[in-house]
């Protein structure tokens, strides 16, 4: 099984990982004891084990709600008449956020659904707005005024 633990709190992720490891250890112990009892009456070998392998690390971090980068994107959205929502997600912004740097991930426009599934889809309608948003945000962050 694969378990993906995500949070804005490293302490919470560590707590959840420890709880998962403890639950796995208890499950292996309980099943091994039950299998041993069954095996003694059926003369079959028994044994159960588990191994936890870390396959990725998404560090925690959170952007302050008054961060300058958010003020810029909000101003851009106001200029474009775009009603964006701030959401927490696992994105390329995770690493800089975990290092205490301001970072956001913004979409490039269009509509999509079914992310990370075989049914994932994308419609590029409205992409122009997303591209304008990216360009204006970059220009504002670079200090270009007007």
Protein backbone atom coordinates (compact mmCIF):
# COMPACT_ATOMS: atom_id res chain seq x y z
CA UNK A 1 0.00 0.00 0.00
CA UNK A 2 1.08 3.55 -0.53
CA UNK A 3 0.27 6.22 2.01
CA UNK A 4 0.71 9.89 1.20
CA UNK A 5 0.86 12.09 4.31
CA UNK A 6 0.47 15.81 3.71
CA UNK A 7 0.06 18.73 6.09
CA UNK A 8 1.17 22.31 6.63
CA UNK A 9 2.72 21.10 9.91
CA UNK A 10 5.88 18.97 10.04
CA UNK A 11 4.99 17.99 13.62
CA UNK A 12 1.60 16.70 12.44
CA UNK A 13 3.16 14.74 9.58
CA UNK A 14 5.67 13.17 11.99
CA UNK A 15 2.87 12.33 14.43
CA UNK A 16 0.83 10.68 11.66
CA UNK A 17 3.82 8.74 10.37
CA UNK A 18 4.58 7.42 13.87
CA UNK A 19 0.92 6.46 14.37
CA UNK A 20 0.93 4.62 11.04
CA UNK A 21 4.14 2.75 11.88
CA UNK A 22 2.75 1.79 15.30
CA UNK A 23 -0.52 0.58 13.78
CA UNK A 24 1.40 -1.53 11.25
CA UNK A 25 3.58 -3.04 13.97
CA UNK A 26 0.50 -3.95 16.03
CA UNK A 27 -1.28 -5.42 13.01
CA UNK A 28 1.74 -7.57 12.10
CA UNK A 29 2.08 -8.75 15.70
CA UNK A 30 -1.65 -9.57 16.02
CA UNK A 31 -1.78 -11.42 12.70
CA UNK A 32 1.46 -13.30 13.42
CA UNK A 33 0.05 -14.53 16.72
CA UNK A 34 -3.22 -15.59 15.07
CA UNK A 35 -1.32 -17.30 12.23
CA UNK A 36 0.87 -19.12 14.73
CA UNK A 37 -2.23 -20.53 16.46
CA UNK A 38 -3.72 -21.60 13.12
CA UNK A 39 -0.43 -23.11 11.98
CA UNK A 40 -0.04 -25.25 15.09
CA UNK A 41 -3.32 -26.99 14.30
CA UNK A 42 -2.79 -27.13 10.54
CA UNK A 43 0.97 -27.67 10.42
CA UNK A 44 1.50 -24.85 7.94
CA UNK A 45 4.29 -22.31 8.13
CA UNK A 46 3.36 -18.83 9.19
CA UNK A 47 4.89 -15.41 9.04
CA UNK A 48 3.97 -11.89 8.27
CA UNK A 49 6.12 -8.82 8.02
CA UNK A 50 5.98 -5.31 6.74
CA UNK A 51 8.53 -2.83 5.52
CA UNK A 52 8.08 0.93 5.38
CA UNK A 53 9.88 2.56 2.48
CA UNK A 54 9.77 6.33 2.10
CA UNK A 55 9.13 7.06 -1.58
CA UNK A 56 8.86 10.83 -1.36
CA UNK A 57 9.10 13.76 0.98
CA UNK A 58 6.81 16.74 0.74
CA UNK A 59 7.94 19.19 3.38
CA UNK A 60 5.41 21.23 5.26
CA UNK A 61 5.10 24.96 4.96
CA UNK A 62 2.50 27.67 4.91
CA UNK A 63 2.41 31.13 3.38
CA UNK A 64 1.43 34.01 5.64
CA UNK A 65 -1.98 35.35 4.62
CA UNK A 66 -0.49 38.87 4.33
CA UNK A 67 2.56 37.87 2.29
CA UNK A 68 3.57 40.38 -0.40
CA UNK A 69 3.36 37.73 -3.11
CA UNK A 70 -0.29 37.15 -2.21
CA UNK A 71 -0.95 40.89 -2.31
CA UNK A 72 0.48 40.96 -5.84
CA UNK A 73 -1.62 38.06 -7.12
CA UNK A 74 -4.72 39.54 -5.49
CA UNK A 75 -4.06 42.88 -7.23
CA UNK A 76 -3.59 41.08 -10.54
CA UNK A 77 -6.81 39.15 -10.02
CA UNK A 78 -8.66 42.39 -9.21
CA UNK A 79 -7.31 43.97 -12.41
CA UNK A 80 -8.41 40.96 -14.49
CA UNK A 81 -11.72 40.48 -12.72
CA UNK A 82 -10.65 37.00 -11.67
CA UNK A 83 -12.14 35.44 -8.54
CA UNK A 84 -9.36 33.14 -7.33
CA UNK A 85 -9.37 31.09 -4.15
CA UNK A 86 -6.39 30.43 -1.93
CA UNK A 87 -6.03 26.68 -1.47
CA UNK A 88 -3.51 24.45 0.18
CA UNK A 89 -2.10 21.76 -2.06
CA UNK A 90 1.00 19.77 -2.78
CA UNK A 91 2.78 21.83 -5.44
CA UNK A 92 6.19 23.04 -6.52
CA UNK A 93 5.76 25.75 -3.88
CA UNK A 94 6.23 23.22 -1.06
CA UNK A 95 10.03 23.31 -1.03
CA UNK A 96 10.48 27.10 -0.90
CA UNK A 97 7.65 27.38 1.66
CA UNK A 98 9.36 24.78 3.85
CA UNK A 99 12.50 26.93 3.69
CA UNK A 100 10.57 30.00 4.86
CA UNK A 101 10.40 31.63 1.43
CA UNK A 102 7.32 33.09 -0.17
CA UNK A 103 5.98 30.92 -2.96
CA UNK A 104 2.71 30.23 -4.72
CA UNK A 105 1.55 27.97 -7.50
CA UNK A 106 -0.94 29.45 -9.91
CA UNK A 107 -2.74 27.73 -12.72
CA UNK A 108 -2.14 28.49 -16.35
CA UNK A 109 -5.83 28.71 -17.17
CA UNK A 110 -8.27 26.24 -18.59
CA UNK A 111 -10.36 23.65 -16.81
CA UNK A 112 -9.47 20.18 -15.68
CA UNK A 113 -10.51 17.32 -13.50
CA UNK A 114 -9.68 13.80 -12.38
CA UNK A 115 -6.12 14.79 -11.49
CA UNK A 116 -3.64 11.91 -11.24
CA UNK A 117 -6.16 9.32 -12.48
CA UNK A 118 -6.73 7.57 -15.79
CA UNK A 119 -9.77 9.83 -16.19
CA UNK A 120 -7.75 13.05 -15.94
CA UNK A 121 -8.87 15.66 -18.45
CA UNK A 122 -8.07 19.22 -19.53
CA UNK A 123 -9.90 21.83 -21.59
CA UNK A 124 -7.81 24.83 -22.61
CA UNK A 125 -10.82 27.17 -22.90
CA UNK A 126 -10.06 30.30 -20.87
CA UNK A 127 -6.31 29.75 -21.07
CA UNK A 128 -5.78 33.37 -22.13
CA UNK A 129 -6.84 34.60 -18.70
CA UNK A 130 -4.41 32.24 -16.99
CA UNK A 131 -1.54 33.34 -19.20
CA UNK A 132 -2.34 37.04 -18.62
CA UNK A 133 -2.42 36.34 -14.91
CA UNK A 134 1.01 34.71 -14.98
CA UNK A 135 2.54 37.50 -17.06
CA UNK A 136 1.11 40.33 -14.95
CA UNK A 137 2.17 38.61 -11.73
CA UNK A 138 5.73 38.16 -13.00
CA UNK A 139 5.93 41.75 -14.18
CA UNK A 140 4.62 43.08 -10.86
CA UNK A 141 7.02 40.93 -8.87
CA UNK A 142 9.88 42.11 -11.09
CA UNK A 143 8.98 45.71 -10.24
CA UNK A 144 7.54 46.74 -13.59
CA UNK A 145 4.82 49.30 -12.93
CA UNK A 146 1.96 50.57 -15.03
